[in-house]
Amino acid sequence: MPPPLSVTFAAGAAGPWRIERIEAVLGEALPAAARLTMQEGASVPAPPDAVWALRGTTSNPRYTTRAELDALAAVQQGLGRRQATRAALIPIRKTEA
């Protein structure tokens, strides 16, 4: 399995994806924005005109067997593919506790 991937989703006036709505379930909502872009890499800065940016990494599959990892790798598709026309981002903020 590849190492965890760092990804930044940045919202602003430009980007390949249109933001249809932003809803807060708990706490404050993210500021409104029209478009969303995705950048891979740990040291990639968000665009200077970004309204907000969500940074994260793919999860480390610690509690999976080799067979489960192989089955996942066989069907897993990358981010940013043309067939992916809809998505939901669910930002979760962790605390020290």
C-alpha atoms as a PDB file:
ATOM      1  CA  MET A   1       0.000   0.000   0.000  1.00  0.00           C
ATOM      2  CA  PRO A   2       1.360   3.467  -0.818  1.00  0.00           C
ATOM      3  CA  PRO A   3       2.275   5.850   2.007  1.00  0.00           C
ATOM      4  CA  PRO A   4      -0.365   8.343   3.194  1.00  0.00           C
ATOM      5  CA  LEU A   5      -1.117  11.075   0.659  1.00  0.00           C
ATOM      6  CA  SER A   6      -1.319  14.725   1.719  1.00  0.00           C
ATOM      7  CA  VAL A   7      -4.135  16.637   0.035  1.00  0.00           C
ATOM      8  CA  THR A   8      -5.373  20.244   0.185  1.00  0.00           C
ATOM      9  CA  PHE A   9      -8.867  21.213  -0.929  1.00  0.00           C
ATOM     10  CA  ALA A  10      -9.036  24.995  -1.420  1.00  0.00           C
ATOM     11  CA  ALA A  11     -12.164  27.037  -2.083  1.00  0.00           C
ATOM     12  CA  GLY A  12     -12.305  30.334  -3.935  1.00  0.00           C
ATOM     13  CA  ALA A  13     -13.366  31.887  -7.223  1.00  0.00           C
ATOM     14  CA  ALA A  14     -11.531  29.382  -9.445  1.00  0.00           C
ATOM     15  CA  GLY A  15     -11.233  25.619  -9.628  1.00  0.00           C
ATOM     16  CA  PRO A  16     -12.556  22.659 -11.604  1.00  0.00           C
ATOM     17  CA  TRP A  17     -15.397  21.856  -9.178  1.00  0.00           C
ATOM     18  CA  ARG A  18     -18.471  23.978  -8.459  1.00  0.00           C
ATOM     19  CA  ILE A  19     -19.571  24.203  -4.827  1.00  0.00           C
ATOM     20  CA  GLU A  20     -23.336  23.720  -4.651  1.00  0.00           C
ATOM     21  CA  ARG A  21     -23.826  24.250  -0.940  1.00  0.00           C
ATOM     22  CA  ILE A  22     -22.092  24.384   2.430  1.00  0.00           C
ATOM     23  CA  GLU A  23     -23.967  23.155   5.499  1.00  0.00           C
ATOM     24  CA  ALA A  24     -22.791  23.124   9.091  1.00  0.00           C
ATOM     25  CA  VAL A  25     -23.933  20.224  11.254  1.00  0.00           C
ATOM     26  CA  LEU A  26     -22.184  21.427  14.388  1.00  0.00           C
ATOM     27  CA  GLY A  27     -20.233  24.632  14.918  1.00  0.00           C
ATOM     28  CA  GLU A  28     -19.622  27.375  12.388  1.00  0.00           C
ATOM     29  CA  ALA A  29     -20.019  26.788   8.644  1.00  0.00           C
ATOM     30  CA  LEU A  30     -17.131  27.343   6.277  1.00  0.00           C
ATOM     31  CA  PRO A  31     -17.325  30.681   4.417  1.00  0.00           C
ATOM     32  CA  ALA A  32     -19.196  30.639   1.102  1.00  0.00           C
ATOM     33  CA  ALA A  33     -17.175  30.049  -2.060  1.00  0.00           C
ATOM     34  CA  ALA A  34     -17.996  29.316  -5.685  1.00  0.00           C
ATOM     35  CA  ARG A  35     -15.314  26.813  -6.775  1.00  0.00           C
ATOM     36  CA  LEU A  36     -13.009  24.140  -5.338  1.00  0.00           C
ATOM     37  CA  THR A  37      -9.569  22.912  -6.331  1.00  0.00           C
ATOM     38  CA  MET A  38      -7.495  19.965  -5.080  1.00  0.00           C
ATOM     39  CA  GLN A  39      -3.714  19.843  -4.728  1.00  0.00           C
ATOM     40  CA  GLU A  40      -1.650  16.815  -3.734  1.00  0.00           C
ATOM     41  CA  GLY A  41       1.555  17.075  -1.721  1.00  0.00           C
ATOM     42  CA  ALA A  42       2.562  18.015   1.803  1.00  0.00           C
ATOM     43  CA  SER A  43       4.339  21.261   0.926  1.00  0.00           C
ATOM     44  CA  VAL A  44       1.874  22.649  -1.628  1.00  0.00           C
ATOM     45  CA  PRO A  45       0.476  25.990  -0.405  1.00  0.00           C
ATOM     46  CA  ALA A  46      -3.165  26.911  -0.902  1.00  0.00           C
ATOM     47  CA  PRO A  47      -3.785  29.486  -3.648  1.00  0.00           C
ATOM     48  CA  PRO A  48      -3.332  33.045  -2.326  1.00  0.00           C
ATOM     49  CA  ASP A  49      -6.958  33.933  -3.106  1.00  0.00           C
ATOM     50  CA  ALA A  50      -8.427  30.892  -1.305  1.00  0.00           C
ATOM     51  CA  VAL A  51     -11.390  31.622   0.968  1.00  0.00           C
ATOM     52  CA  TRP A  52     -10.587  28.505   2.995  1.00  0.00           C
ATOM     53  CA  ALA A  53      -8.407  25.399   2.712  1.00  0.00           C
ATOM     54  CA  LEU A  54      -8.860  21.931   4.177  1.00  0.00           C
ATOM     55  CA  ARG A  55      -5.645  19.966   4.567  1.00  0.00           C
ATOM     56  CA  GLY A  56      -5.445  16.302   5.419  1.00  0.00           C
ATOM     57  CA  THR A  57      -3.951  12.944   4.633  1.00  0.00           C
ATOM     58  CA  THR A  58      -5.270   9.595   3.627  1.00  0.00           C
ATOM     59  CA  SER A  59      -5.610   7.198   6.525  1.00  0.00           C
ATOM     60  CA  ASN A  60      -3.033   4.673   7.581  1.00  0.00           C
ATOM     61  CA  PRO A  61      -4.657   1.220   7.189  1.00  0.00           C
ATOM     62  CA  ARG A  62      -3.294  -0.232  10.462  1.00  0.00           C
ATOM     63  CA  TYR A  63      -6.127  -2.623  11.251  1.00  0.00           C
ATOM     64  CA  THR A  64      -6.404  -4.357   7.890  1.00  0.00           C
ATOM     65  CA  THR A  65      -5.065  -7.650   6.660  1.00  0.00           C
ATOM     66  CA  ARG A  66      -2.838  -8.024   3.590  1.00  0.00           C
ATOM     67  CA  ALA A  67      -5.772  -9.619   1.727  1.00  0.00           C
ATOM     68  CA  GLU A  68      -8.001  -6.633   2.571  1.00  0.00           C
ATOM     69  CA  LEU A  69      -5.313  -4.174   1.428  1.00  0.00           C
ATOM     70  CA  ASP A  70      -4.862  -6.063  -1.851  1.00  0.00           C
ATOM     71  CA  ALA A  71      -8.629  -6.141  -2.482  1.00  0.00           C
ATOM     72  CA  LEU A  72      -8.868  -2.402  -1.823  1.00  0.00           C
ATOM     73  CA  ALA A  73      -5.903  -1.576  -4.078  1.00  0.00           C
ATOM     74  CA  ALA A  74      -7.505  -3.569  -6.911  1.00  0.00           C
ATOM     75  CA  VAL A  75     -10.627  -1.364  -7.000  1.00  0.00           C
ATOM     76  CA  GLN A  76      -9.491   1.948  -5.519  1.00  0.00           C
ATOM     77  CA  GLN A  77      -9.535   4.927  -7.866  1.00  0.00           C
ATOM     78  CA  GLY A  78      -7.549   8.143  -7.570  1.00  0.00           C
ATOM     79  CA  LEU A  79      -8.787  11.585  -6.682  1.00  0.00           C
ATOM     80  CA  GLY A  80      -9.503  14.029  -9.485  1.00  0.00           C
ATOM     81  CA  ARG A  81     -10.610  11.474 -12.097  1.00  0.00           C
ATOM     82  CA  ARG A  82     -12.992  12.585 -14.875  1.00  0.00           C
ATOM     83  CA  GLN A  83     -15.711  10.104 -13.863  1.00  0.00           C
ATOM     84  CA  ALA A  84     -15.989  11.666 -10.398  1.00  0.00           C
ATOM     85  CA  THR A  85     -18.577  14.385 -10.903  1.00  0.00           C
ATOM     86  CA  ARG A  86     -19.897  14.720  -7.339  1.00  0.00           C
ATOM     87  CA  ALA A  87     -18.331  14.662  -3.901  1.00  0.00           C
ATOM     88  CA  ALA A  88     -18.984  15.518  -0.284  1.00  0.00           C
ATOM     89  CA  LEU A  89     -16.273  16.934   1.959  1.00  0.00           C
ATOM     90  CA  ILE A  90     -16.809  16.356   5.656  1.00  0.00           C
ATOM     91  CA  PRO A  91     -14.259  18.397   7.620  1.00  0.00           C
ATOM     92  CA  ILE A  92     -13.638  17.173  11.145  1.00  0.00           C
ATOM     93  CA  ARG A  93     -11.464  19.135  13.565  1.00  0.00           C
ATOM     94  CA  LYS A  94      -9.607  17.138  16.194  1.00  0.00           C
ATOM     95  CA  THR A  95      -8.658  18.470  19.583  1.00  0.00           C
ATOM     96  CA  GLU A  96      -5.784  17.526  21.863  1.00  0.00           C
ATOM     97  CA  ALA A  97      -8.300  15.692  24.079  1.00  0.00           C
END
